[in-house]
Amino acid sequence: MAEFQWPWEYTFPPFFTLQPHEETRRQQLKVWTDLFLKYLKHNNKFTLVTNDQNLPLFCNESINRRLSPELILLILEQLQQSGHAAPLDKRRQEWQVYWYTLEEYGNMVYDWIQETGQTNSICTLYEIISGESSTRLEFHNMDENVLLSALRLLEERGKCELIEMDGSHGVKFF
């Protein structure tokens, strides 16, 4: 895997401190939210623990800067508002982060199901995220819990039905 390319802001010390000027802060948060999504996608990660202070995303040792826990939470809340994250615990220390919104993932999966002629058939989650025909798609190797969340949205819209069998899940698409 190629090395992650950090944006120039990552080497700019004030980037790691929440800026007081409203427009500057808005731009700073936009860059941080984009950076979180790109970094996690590059590393094929869907969860973040906010107190993992050694994660390169949270600190740049070369300039001796790290994000405060408050700024990390603020960035994740921004991602939550845009549909790209959800807390996994009440203390909001563990987060599920989506490179695309759950609705976008659901649409991608459903489009793929239609394109491959798999409507009215049952698929396992493994077939969707690890099958040979999905290797070039954005949801290949995605976290199973994220896929389940996206499929629940499709189920609410009447496009599929989730089936649980012996602790594992399958899905029938309509």
Protein backbone atom coordinates (compact mmCIF):
# COMPACT_ATOMS: atom_id res chain seq x y z
CA MET A 1 0.00 0.00 0.00
CA ALA A 2 1.26 3.46 -0.86
CA GLU A 3 2.12 5.81 1.97
CA PHE A 4 -0.61 8.24 2.99
CA GLN A 5 -0.11 11.74 1.59
CA TRP A 6 -0.76 14.32 4.29
CA PRO A 7 -2.08 17.74 3.21
CA TRP A 8 0.15 20.76 3.75
CA GLU A 9 -2.02 21.87 6.69
CA TYR A 10 -0.84 18.83 8.65
CA THR A 11 2.61 20.45 9.02
CA PHE A 12 1.14 23.83 10.02
CA PRO A 13 1.11 24.02 13.86
CA PRO A 14 -2.03 26.22 14.21
CA PHE A 15 -3.99 23.54 12.34
CA PHE A 16 -3.94 21.45 15.54
CA THR A 17 -5.56 24.20 17.64
CA LEU A 18 -9.21 25.19 17.25
CA GLN A 19 -9.20 28.61 15.64
CA PRO A 20 -11.23 31.41 17.27
CA HIS A 21 -12.25 33.24 14.07
CA GLU A 22 -15.52 31.71 12.83
CA GLU A 23 -14.69 31.52 9.10
CA THR A 24 -11.19 30.19 9.78
CA ARG A 25 -12.61 27.61 12.20
CA ARG A 26 -15.23 26.51 9.64
CA GLN A 27 -12.51 26.01 7.01
CA GLN A 28 -10.28 24.24 9.55
CA LEU A 29 -13.06 21.79 10.46
CA LYS A 30 -13.79 21.17 6.77
CA VAL A 31 -10.15 20.27 6.13
CA TRP A 32 -10.06 18.06 9.24
CA THR A 33 -13.25 16.19 8.33
CA ASP A 34 -11.94 15.57 4.81
CA LEU A 35 -8.62 14.43 6.26
CA PHE A 36 -10.32 12.00 8.66
CA LEU A 37 -12.28 10.42 5.80
CA LYS A 38 -9.29 10.18 3.45
CA TYR A 39 -6.99 8.79 6.14
CA LEU A 40 -9.48 6.13 7.24
CA LYS A 41 -10.26 5.14 3.66
CA HIS A 42 -6.55 4.87 2.84
CA ASN A 43 -6.08 2.59 5.88
CA ASN A 44 -9.35 0.69 5.32
CA LYS A 45 -10.58 1.59 8.82
CA PHE A 46 -14.15 2.20 9.88
CA THR A 47 -13.75 2.78 13.61
CA LEU A 48 -11.90 5.37 15.65
CA VAL A 49 -11.17 5.51 19.37
CA THR A 50 -10.88 9.13 20.45
CA ASN A 51 -8.34 8.48 23.20
CA ASP A 52 -5.83 6.79 20.86
CA GLN A 53 -3.42 9.70 21.14
CA ASN A 54 -0.67 7.86 19.23
CA LEU A 55 -2.71 7.60 16.05
CA PRO A 56 -0.92 9.70 13.38
CA LEU A 57 -4.26 11.25 12.49
CA PHE A 58 -4.40 12.83 15.94
CA CYS A 59 -0.79 13.91 16.29
CA ASN A 60 2.14 15.08 14.21
CA GLU A 61 5.28 14.27 16.15
CA SER A 62 7.53 16.10 13.67
CA ILE A 63 6.05 19.44 14.75
CA ASN A 64 5.19 18.29 18.28
CA ARG A 65 1.45 18.89 17.87
CA ARG A 66 -1.61 16.84 18.73
CA LEU A 67 -5.34 17.37 18.59
CA SER A 68 -7.10 18.02 21.88
CA PRO A 69 -9.81 15.53 22.87
CA GLU A 70 -12.33 18.38 22.47
CA LEU A 71 -11.24 19.08 18.90
CA ILE A 72 -11.33 15.37 18.01
CA LEU A 73 -14.89 15.19 19.34
CA LEU A 74 -15.87 18.35 17.47
CA ILE A 75 -14.53 16.89 14.19
CA LEU A 76 -16.41 13.64 14.75
CA GLU A 77 -19.59 15.56 15.56
CA GLN A 78 -19.19 17.42 12.25
CA LEU A 79 -18.87 14.05 10.51
CA GLN A 80 -21.96 12.84 12.34
CA GLN A 81 -23.96 15.87 11.15
CA SER A 82 -23.00 15.10 7.56
CA GLY A 83 -23.96 11.42 7.94
CA HIS A 84 -20.37 10.13 7.95
CA ALA A 85 -20.06 8.98 11.57
CA ALA A 86 -21.94 7.65 14.57
CA PRO A 87 -20.82 7.10 18.15
CA LEU A 88 -20.67 3.46 19.24
CA ASP A 89 -20.78 4.14 22.97
CA LYS A 90 -22.53 6.57 25.31
CA ARG A 91 -19.26 8.25 26.30
CA ARG A 92 -18.65 9.01 22.62
CA GLN A 93 -15.12 7.60 22.73
CA GLU A 94 -15.55 4.97 20.04
CA TRP A 95 -16.94 5.98 16.66
CA GLN A 96 -17.91 4.27 13.46
CA VAL A 97 -16.86 6.44 10.52
CA TYR A 98 -18.19 6.01 6.98
CA TRP A 99 -16.23 7.12 3.93
CA TYR A 100 -19.60 7.58 2.24
CA THR A 101 -22.94 8.10 3.96
CA LEU A 102 -24.95 4.98 4.80
CA GLU A 103 -27.49 6.00 2.17
CA GLU A 104 -24.74 6.26 -0.47
CA TYR A 105 -23.40 2.83 0.52
CA GLY A 106 -26.90 1.37 0.36
CA ASN A 107 -27.44 2.83 -3.11
CA MET A 108 -24.07 1.49 -4.30
CA VAL A 109 -24.89 -2.01 -3.09
CA TYR A 110 -28.40 -1.93 -4.54
CA ASP A 111 -27.16 -0.65 -7.91
CA TRP A 112 -24.55 -3.43 -7.96
CA ILE A 113 -27.21 -6.03 -7.12
CA GLN A 114 -29.37 -4.80 -10.01
CA GLU A 115 -26.44 -4.60 -12.45
CA THR A 116 -25.37 -8.16 -11.64
CA GLY A 117 -28.92 -9.55 -11.85
CA GLN A 118 -29.14 -10.61 -8.22
CA THR A 119 -32.55 -9.18 -7.37
CA ASN A 120 -34.93 -11.73 -5.83
CA SER A 121 -31.97 -13.76 -4.61
CA ILE A 122 -30.34 -14.15 -1.23
CA CYS A 123 -26.74 -13.03 -0.68
CA THR A 124 -24.52 -13.35 2.35
CA LEU A 125 -22.75 -10.27 3.63
CA TYR A 126 -19.50 -12.02 2.75
CA GLU A 127 -20.57 -12.27 -0.90
CA ILE A 128 -21.31 -8.56 -0.97
CA ILE A 129 -18.10 -7.32 0.64
CA SER A 130 -15.66 -10.04 -0.40
CA GLY A 131 -17.09 -11.62 -3.52
CA GLU A 132 -15.04 -11.71 -6.71
CA SER A 133 -17.48 -9.49 -8.58
CA SER A 134 -17.29 -6.76 -5.92
CA THR A 135 -13.50 -6.33 -5.86
CA ARG A 136 -13.49 -3.03 -7.74
CA LEU A 137 -16.38 -1.47 -5.90
CA GLU A 138 -16.24 1.05 -3.07
CA PHE A 139 -17.83 -1.38 -0.65
CA HIS A 140 -15.29 -4.19 -1.23
CA ASN A 141 -13.80 -5.22 2.15
CA MET A 142 -16.00 -2.78 4.03
CA ASP A 143 -16.73 -3.34 7.70
CA GLU A 144 -19.63 -5.77 8.12
CA ASN A 145 -21.32 -3.56 10.73
CA VAL A 146 -21.28 -0.60 8.35
CA LEU A 147 -22.77 -2.78 5.62
CA LEU A 148 -25.51 -3.94 8.01
CA SER A 149 -26.36 -0.33 8.85
CA ALA A 150 -26.60 0.55 5.15
CA LEU A 151 -28.73 -2.54 4.46
CA ARG A 152 -31.09 -1.59 7.30
CA LEU A 153 -31.75 1.68 5.47
CA LEU A 154 -32.51 -0.25 2.28
CA GLU A 155 -34.79 -2.54 4.27
CA GLU A 156 -36.70 0.49 5.60
CA ARG A 157 -37.23 1.58 1.98
CA GLY A 158 -38.54 -1.87 1.03
CA LYS A 159 -35.61 -2.74 -1.25
CA CYS A 160 -34.36 -5.72 0.74
CA GLU A 161 -35.00 -7.96 3.71
CA LEU A 162 -32.30 -8.87 6.21
CA ILE A 163 -32.24 -12.49 7.30
CA GLU A 164 -30.39 -13.75 10.36
CA MET A 165 -29.29 -17.38 10.29
CA ASP A 166 -27.27 -18.95 13.10
CA GLY A 167 -25.71 -15.65 14.12
CA SER A 168 -24.79 -14.56 10.59
CA HIS A 169 -26.72 -12.37 8.20
CA GLY A 170 -28.02 -12.74 4.70
CA VAL A 171 -30.10 -10.37 2.65
CA LYS A 172 -32.73 -10.78 -0.02
CA PHE A 173 -33.01 -7.94 -2.51
CA PHE A 174 -36.25 -6.96 -4.26
